[in-house]
Amino acid sequence: MSLEDWFNKRWYKKDGTSPALSLLTPLELLYSGVSNRRRVISSRTPPEPLSVPVIVVGNITVGGAGKTPLVAELARWLKERGKNPGIVSRGYGGRAEQYPYQVTAQSHPLESGDEPLMLHLITGVPVMVSPNRSEAARALVDYHQCDVILSDDGLQHYSLWRSFEICVVDGSRGLGNGHMLPRGPLREPISRLQSVDLVVSNGEPEASVKQQCGALLEYQMTLEPACWHQFNLDQTSTLRLTSGPEPGPCHGVAAIGNPKRFFRALQRMGYKVMEQPFADHHQFSPQELHFDGETPVIMTMKDAVKCRDFWESHWWALEVRAKLSDLFYQKVHQHLQQFSKDEK
């Protein structure tokens, strides 16, 4: 069991108790104090506003909650309405020679990070990476004339000015035991939900999650299979296919925040999944994906971009798309309209 698995098992225990985690209370208090100090300092010296709206999509827990598919769907929605969106990201797992780093189809995930490369490949919008997201956002405005900036994660990146905040909560895991790091999975206190503009549940929220978030949990999204991908011989573009391997035995590969969610999705599609979970953002080697001959290997798009240099014909990547209510998009549209009026 990895350290990540050890913590997740205890953070998300149904009864919410763990004697081992209670020993971490002093560290939780220290982390909470530092986090609160950062928020206070940022409120006293707010960053300079940008000339375009900046929509931050993030969460208040460590690990995945579904924010990246939501960013991708917002980018598509904006493009369909004549906007020129751009995406900024920290580029976790990547290390470029210089920043801001513009992601292209030829980028390597060790430079760009896995999520920024995936976002660029599936949306086609400009993606800029930098540990300083403000720098990346200004580069998108200056060099690509982007009129809306989407930030993949970044609720806690207070040096990035934002005009709108969306917090995604995992509908099954929720906010765990409700404690701050390292005693719990929270990067910020639950009260932070009261200051964001929209709280979105990824999947039908369980009773315990509804109890944690209360009336703030107004919007729900579902992740639905959209299409299949296999990498072309040039290894920088994908074949987008409407059908994948025949339902039956497969190896499910997921190096994401909540691999179980991906495995359950494959099971609902009729696959008998041999689960192969890895730590979030894991960098694969070819040997790790050689299981038993030609049994299909199905992975997330986020993982596939890290495997394209050694892609094999019986490997498949499943792209999922976020589905949200019309009311959710109405709220985003109202914000964009209001921002435009205020600028005038």
Protein backbone atom coordinates (compact mmCIF):
# COMPACT_ATOMS: atom_id res chain seq x y z
CA MET A 1 0.00 0.00 0.00
CA SER A 2 1.38 3.40 -1.01
CA LEU A 3 1.39 6.38 1.36
CA GLU A 4 -1.34 7.96 -0.78
CA ASP A 5 -3.50 4.83 -0.41
CA TRP A 6 -2.87 4.77 3.34
CA PHE A 7 -4.11 8.33 3.78
CA ASN A 8 -7.08 7.98 1.41
CA LYS A 9 -8.29 4.87 3.21
CA ARG A 10 -8.40 6.77 6.48
CA TRP A 11 -9.45 10.22 5.23
CA TYR A 12 -12.52 8.78 3.55
CA LYS A 13 -13.52 6.20 6.15
CA LYS A 14 -17.30 6.01 6.40
CA ASP A 15 -17.34 6.46 10.17
CA GLY A 16 -14.93 9.41 9.87
CA THR A 17 -12.64 8.20 12.67
CA SER A 18 -9.01 7.10 12.67
CA PRO A 19 -6.86 6.96 15.81
CA ALA A 20 -3.72 7.19 13.67
CA LEU A 21 -4.84 10.45 12.05
CA SER A 22 -5.68 12.05 15.39
CA LEU A 23 -1.95 12.02 16.14
CA LEU A 24 -1.54 14.50 13.28
CA THR A 25 -3.68 17.18 14.96
CA PRO A 26 -0.69 19.47 15.75
CA LEU A 27 0.35 19.40 12.09
CA GLU A 28 -3.24 20.08 11.04
CA LEU A 29 -3.31 23.17 13.27
CA LEU A 30 0.00 24.35 11.82
CA TYR A 31 -1.19 23.85 8.24
CA SER A 32 -4.51 25.57 9.00
CA GLY A 33 -2.70 28.57 10.47
CA VAL A 34 -0.39 28.92 7.47
CA SER A 35 -3.31 28.55 5.06
CA ASN A 36 -5.36 31.18 6.86
CA ARG A 37 -2.39 33.57 6.93
CA ARG A 38 -1.98 33.23 3.16
CA ARG A 39 -5.64 34.11 2.62
CA VAL A 40 -5.38 37.16 4.88
CA ILE A 41 -2.24 38.44 3.16
CA SER A 42 -3.78 37.94 -0.29
CA SER A 43 -6.90 39.86 0.75
CA ARG A 44 -4.75 42.81 1.82
CA THR A 45 -2.68 42.84 -1.38
CA PRO A 46 -5.01 41.57 -4.11
CA PRO A 47 -3.51 40.87 -7.55
CA GLU A 48 -4.04 43.27 -10.43
CA PRO A 49 -7.22 42.45 -12.41
CA LEU A 50 -7.01 41.22 -15.98
CA SER A 51 -8.94 42.77 -18.83
CA VAL A 52 -10.82 39.50 -19.46
CA PRO A 53 -12.86 37.25 -17.17
CA VAL A 54 -10.91 34.54 -15.34
CA ILE A 55 -12.87 31.45 -14.30
CA VAL A 56 -11.09 29.24 -11.77
CA VAL A 57 -12.22 25.61 -11.56
CA GLY A 58 -10.79 23.82 -8.55
CA ASN A 59 -11.52 21.99 -5.32
CA ILE A 60 -10.66 22.26 -1.65
CA THR A 61 -9.43 18.68 -1.27
CA VAL A 62 -6.24 17.02 -2.45
CA GLY A 63 -6.62 14.54 -5.29
CA GLY A 64 -9.03 14.53 -8.17
CA ALA A 65 -12.64 15.61 -7.97
CA GLY A 66 -13.37 16.02 -11.69
CA LYS A 67 -12.28 19.60 -12.27
CA THR A 68 -10.28 18.92 -15.48
CA PRO A 69 -13.22 17.44 -17.46
CA LEU A 70 -15.28 20.44 -16.36
CA VAL A 71 -12.59 22.82 -17.66
CA ALA A 72 -12.58 20.96 -20.99
CA GLU A 73 -16.36 21.18 -21.28
CA LEU A 74 -16.37 24.90 -20.46
CA ALA A 75 -13.74 25.45 -23.16
CA ARG A 76 -15.92 23.67 -25.74
CA TRP A 77 -19.02 25.57 -24.62
CA LEU A 78 -17.22 28.91 -24.91
CA LYS A 79 -15.86 28.08 -28.38
CA GLU A 80 -19.33 27.14 -29.58
CA ARG A 81 -20.50 30.62 -28.56
CA GLY A 82 -17.82 32.44 -30.48
CA LYS A 83 -15.42 33.01 -27.60
CA ASN A 84 -11.67 32.51 -27.75
CA PRO A 85 -10.89 30.75 -24.46
CA GLY A 86 -7.47 29.84 -23.13
CA ILE A 87 -6.49 27.50 -20.31
CA VAL A 88 -3.84 28.04 -17.66
CA SER A 89 -2.38 25.32 -15.48
CA ARG A 90 0.40 24.83 -13.01
CA GLY A 91 1.54 21.82 -15.08
CA TYR A 92 1.91 19.39 -12.20
CA GLY A 93 4.41 16.64 -13.02
CA GLY A 94 6.12 18.64 -15.77
CA ARG A 95 9.26 20.71 -15.76
CA ALA A 96 9.86 23.01 -18.71
CA GLU A 97 13.11 24.84 -19.39
CA GLN A 98 11.33 28.18 -19.16
CA TYR A 99 7.92 29.59 -18.27
CA PRO A 100 5.33 30.43 -19.34
CA TYR A 101 5.35 27.28 -21.44
CA GLN A 102 2.95 26.96 -24.37
CA VAL A 103 1.57 23.46 -24.79
CA THR A 104 1.52 22.03 -28.33
CA ALA A 105 0.65 18.64 -29.78
CA GLN A 106 4.37 17.89 -29.83
CA SER A 107 4.86 18.68 -26.12
CA HIS A 108 6.12 15.95 -23.84
CA PRO A 109 4.21 15.42 -20.58
CA LEU A 110 7.49 15.62 -18.65
CA GLU A 111 7.65 19.24 -19.84
CA SER A 112 4.00 20.25 -19.89
CA GLY A 113 2.43 17.94 -17.31
CA ASP A 114 -0.17 15.34 -18.21
CA GLU A 115 -3.40 17.32 -17.72
CA PRO A 116 -2.37 20.41 -19.77
CA LEU A 117 -1.33 18.21 -22.70
CA MET A 118 -4.58 16.24 -22.53
CA LEU A 119 -6.61 19.47 -22.39
CA HIS A 120 -4.88 20.85 -25.48
CA LEU A 121 -5.33 17.62 -27.47
CA ILE A 122 -9.04 17.19 -26.73
CA THR A 123 -10.13 20.86 -26.91
CA GLY A 124 -7.71 22.46 -29.35
CA VAL A 125 -7.65 25.70 -27.34
CA PRO A 126 -4.40 27.43 -26.32
CA VAL A 127 -2.98 26.06 -23.06
CA MET A 128 -0.27 27.89 -21.13
CA VAL A 129 1.63 26.39 -18.20
CA SER A 130 3.46 28.17 -15.40
CA PRO A 131 3.83 27.85 -11.62
CA ASN A 132 2.84 31.53 -11.78
CA ARG A 133 -0.64 31.26 -13.26
CA SER A 134 -0.97 35.05 -13.57
CA GLU A 135 2.01 35.05 -15.90
CA ALA A 136 0.43 32.27 -17.97
CA ALA A 137 -2.92 34.09 -18.13
CA ARG A 138 -1.34 37.33 -19.36
CA ALA A 139 0.57 35.41 -22.01
CA LEU A 140 -2.69 33.94 -23.33
CA VAL A 141 -4.23 37.40 -23.53
CA ASP A 142 -1.16 39.02 -25.12
CA TYR A 143 -0.16 36.33 -27.62
CA HIS A 144 -3.43 34.53 -28.37
CA GLN A 145 -5.95 37.33 -27.76
CA CYS A 146 -7.94 35.03 -25.48
CA ASP A 147 -11.11 36.71 -24.21
CA VAL A 148 -11.85 34.22 -21.40
CA ILE A 149 -9.29 32.48 -19.21
CA LEU A 150 -10.02 29.12 -17.59
CA SER A 151 -7.78 27.96 -14.75
CA ASP A 152 -7.50 24.21 -14.27
CA ASP A 153 -7.19 24.13 -10.48
CA GLY A 154 -5.98 27.20 -8.64
CA LEU A 155 -8.59 28.04 -5.99
CA GLN A 156 -5.69 28.28 -3.54
CA HIS A 157 -3.41 30.16 -5.99
CA TYR A 158 -4.36 33.60 -4.67
CA SER A 159 -1.82 35.48 -6.76
CA LEU A 160 -4.07 34.71 -9.75
CA TRP A 161 -6.83 37.29 -10.03
CA ARG A 162 -10.20 35.69 -10.70
CA SER A 163 -13.65 36.96 -11.57
CA PHE A 164 -15.53 33.69 -10.98
CA GLU A 165 -14.86 30.56 -8.91
CA ILE A 166 -16.24 27.05 -9.35
CA CYS A 167 -15.52 24.38 -6.75
CA VAL A 168 -15.97 20.70 -7.68
CA VAL A 169 -16.80 18.16 -4.97
CA ASP A 170 -16.62 14.40 -5.46
CA GLY A 171 -20.18 13.18 -5.00
CA SER A 172 -19.13 9.86 -3.47
CA ARG A 173 -16.08 10.84 -1.38
CA GLY A 174 -17.13 14.38 -0.54
CA LEU A 175 -14.81 16.27 1.80
CA GLY A 176 -13.64 13.17 3.65
CA ASN A 177 -13.45 13.45 7.41
CA GLY A 178 -13.73 17.25 7.24
CA HIS A 179 -10.22 17.87 8.59
CA MET A 180 -7.39 19.90 7.10
CA LEU A 181 -4.12 18.39 5.87
CA PRO A 182 -2.53 16.11 6.92
CA ARG A 183 -5.23 14.87 9.31
CA GLY A 184 -7.79 15.11 6.51
CA PRO A 185 -7.88 15.82 2.76
CA LEU A 186 -8.87 19.50 2.99
CA ARG A 187 -6.58 22.17 1.55
CA GLU A 188 -8.94 24.85 2.88
CA PRO A 189 -11.72 24.75 5.48
CA ILE A 190 -15.25 23.76 4.50
CA SER A 191 -16.30 27.39 5.03
CA ARG A 192 -14.39 28.23 1.83
CA LEU A 193 -17.36 26.85 -0.12
CA GLN A 194 -19.40 29.84 1.00
CA SER A 195 -17.16 32.26 -0.89
CA VAL A 196 -17.09 30.54 -4.30
CA ASP A 197 -19.68 31.31 -6.98
CA LEU A 198 -20.75 27.75 -7.81
CA VAL A 199 -20.33 24.39 -6.06
CA VAL A 200 -20.66 21.39 -8.39
CA SER A 201 -21.04 17.78 -7.31
CA ASN A 202 -19.32 15.26 -9.56
CA GLY A 203 -22.00 12.57 -9.58
CA GLU A 204 -25.06 12.15 -7.40
CA PRO A 205 -24.00 13.35 -3.94
CA GLU A 206 -24.34 10.80 -1.19
CA ALA A 207 -26.23 11.69 1.99
CA SER A 208 -23.00 12.36 3.90
CA VAL A 209 -21.82 14.76 1.18
CA LYS A 210 -25.13 16.62 1.21
CA GLN A 211 -24.79 16.95 4.96
CA GLN A 212 -21.26 18.38 4.63
CA CYS A 213 -22.09 20.92 1.92
CA GLY A 214 -25.72 21.66 2.68
CA ALA A 215 -27.62 24.04 0.42
CA LEU A 216 -24.38 25.12 -1.28
CA LEU A 217 -24.45 21.94 -3.37
CA GLU A 218 -26.82 23.27 -6.05
CA TYR A 219 -25.31 21.87 -9.25
CA GLN A 220 -24.45 18.37 -10.39
CA MET A 221 -22.38 17.04 -13.25
CA THR A 222 -21.98 13.55 -14.64
CA LEU A 223 -19.01 12.18 -16.55
CA GLU A 224 -20.17 10.21 -19.58
CA PRO A 225 -18.15 8.21 -22.12
CA ALA A 226 -17.69 10.36 -25.22
CA CYS A 227 -15.34 8.59 -27.63
CA TRP A 228 -12.32 6.35 -27.89
CA HIS A 229 -8.77 7.29 -28.86
CA GLN A 230 -5.71 5.47 -30.14
CA PHE A 231 -2.50 7.28 -30.98
CA ASN A 232 -1.40 7.57 -34.60
CA LEU A 233 2.05 6.52 -35.78
CA ASP A 234 3.23 10.14 -35.45
CA GLN A 235 2.46 9.82 -31.69
CA THR A 236 1.22 13.43 -31.50
CA SER A 237 -2.33 12.98 -32.80
CA THR A 238 -5.06 10.49 -32.02
CA LEU A 239 -7.56 8.48 -33.98
CA ARG A 240 -10.93 9.47 -32.55
CA LEU A 241 -13.22 6.45 -32.74
CA THR A 242 -16.90 5.98 -31.95
CA SER A 243 -16.41 2.41 -30.71
CA GLY A 244 -13.75 0.68 -28.68
CA PRO A 245 -12.87 -2.89 -27.76
CA GLU A 246 -15.68 -5.40 -27.43
CA PRO A 247 -17.11 -5.65 -23.91
CA GLY A 248 -15.37 -8.39 -21.96
CA PRO A 249 -12.17 -8.78 -19.97
CA CYS A 250 -9.86 -5.79 -19.94
CA HIS A 251 -7.14 -4.20 -17.88
CA GLY A 252 -8.32 -0.85 -16.55
CA VAL A 253 -5.44 1.57 -15.98
CA ALA A 254 -5.93 4.78 -14.02
CA ALA A 255 -3.40 7.12 -12.42
CA ILE A 256 -5.94 9.70 -11.28
CA GLY A 257 -7.21 10.99 -7.96
CA ASN A 258 -10.05 8.45 -7.71
CA PRO A 259 -9.31 5.40 -9.93
CA LYS A 260 -12.39 3.55 -8.64
CA ARG A 261 -14.65 6.03 -10.45
CA PHE A 262 -13.04 5.14 -13.79
CA PHE A 263 -13.22 1.39 -13.13
CA ARG A 264 -16.91 1.65 -12.23
CA ALA A 265 -17.57 3.51 -15.48
CA LEU A 266 -15.95 0.69 -17.48
CA GLN A 267 -17.99 -1.89 -15.58
CA ARG A 268 -21.20 -0.04 -16.46
CA MET A 269 -20.15 -0.30 -20.12
CA GLY A 270 -20.00 -4.10 -19.84
CA TYR A 271 -16.29 -4.66 -19.22
CA LYS A 272 -14.92 -7.18 -16.73
CA VAL A 273 -12.22 -4.95 -15.31
CA MET A 274 -8.92 -6.17 -13.93
CA GLU A 275 -8.12 -3.04 -11.95
CA GLN A 276 -4.65 -1.51 -12.30
CA PRO A 277 -4.62 1.65 -10.13
CA PHE A 278 -1.55 3.87 -9.91
CA ALA A 279 -0.73 6.98 -7.92
CA ASP A 280 -2.08 10.25 -9.35
CA HIS A 281 0.16 11.65 -12.15
CA HIS A 282 2.22 8.43 -12.26
CA GLN A 283 4.79 8.33 -15.08
CA PHE A 284 4.47 4.95 -16.81
CA SER A 285 7.14 2.68 -18.23
CA PRO A 286 6.25 0.19 -21.01
CA GLN A 287 6.89 -2.78 -18.71
CA GLU A 288 4.20 -1.64 -16.28
CA LEU A 289 1.53 -1.99 -18.97
CA HIS A 290 2.53 -5.44 -20.26
CA PHE A 291 0.00 -7.64 -18.51
CA ASP A 292 -1.05 -10.74 -20.43
CA GLY A 293 -0.73 -10.64 -24.18
CA GLU A 294 -3.47 -9.00 -26.23
CA THR A 295 -6.15 -8.43 -23.58
CA PRO A 296 -7.33 -4.83 -24.16
CA VAL A 297 -5.78 -2.18 -21.93
CA ILE A 298 -8.16 0.73 -21.34
CA MET A 299 -6.88 3.91 -19.72
CA THR A 300 -7.94 7.48 -19.14
CA MET A 301 -6.94 10.18 -21.62
CA LYS A 302 -4.83 11.77 -18.91
CA ASP A 303 -2.80 8.56 -18.68
CA ALA A 304 -2.73 7.90 -22.42
CA VAL A 305 -0.77 11.08 -23.22
CA LYS A 306 2.05 9.75 -21.01
CA CYS A 307 2.15 6.46 -22.95
CA ARG A 308 2.09 7.66 -26.55
CA ASP A 309 5.87 7.20 -27.06
CA PHE A 310 5.40 3.43 -26.62
CA TRP A 311 1.75 3.02 -27.63
CA GLU A 312 0.54 -0.47 -28.62
CA SER A 313 -2.32 -1.51 -30.88
CA HIS A 314 -4.40 -3.20 -28.14
CA TRP A 315 -4.35 -0.12 -25.90
CA TRP A 316 -7.32 2.23 -25.81
CA ALA A 317 -8.00 5.60 -24.22
CA LEU A 318 -11.53 6.54 -23.16
CA GLU A 319 -12.46 10.21 -23.27
CA VAL A 320 -15.22 11.27 -20.91
CA ARG A 321 -17.22 14.48 -21.11
CA ALA A 322 -18.86 16.44 -18.35
CA LYS A 323 -22.62 16.92 -18.63
CA LEU A 324 -24.13 19.85 -16.73
CA SER A 325 -27.52 21.47 -16.42
CA ASP A 326 -28.69 24.46 -18.44
CA LEU A 327 -28.96 26.39 -15.16
CA PHE A 328 -25.22 25.95 -14.61
CA TYR A 329 -24.42 27.44 -18.02
CA GLN A 330 -26.92 30.24 -17.43
CA LYS A 331 -24.96 31.26 -14.34
CA VAL A 332 -21.69 31.30 -16.27
CA HIS A 333 -23.32 33.23 -19.12
CA GLN A 334 -24.71 35.81 -16.70
CA HIS A 335 -21.25 36.33 -15.26
CA LEU A 336 -19.71 36.89 -18.70
CA GLN A 337 -22.43 39.37 -19.59
CA GLN A 338 -22.04 41.25 -16.31
CA PHE A 339 -18.25 41.36 -16.73
CA SER A 340 -18.66 42.81 -20.21
CA LYS A 341 -21.03 45.51 -18.91
CA ASP A 342 -18.69 46.41 -16.05
CA GLU A 343 -15.76 46.76 -18.46
CA LYS A 344 -17.72 49.24 -20.55
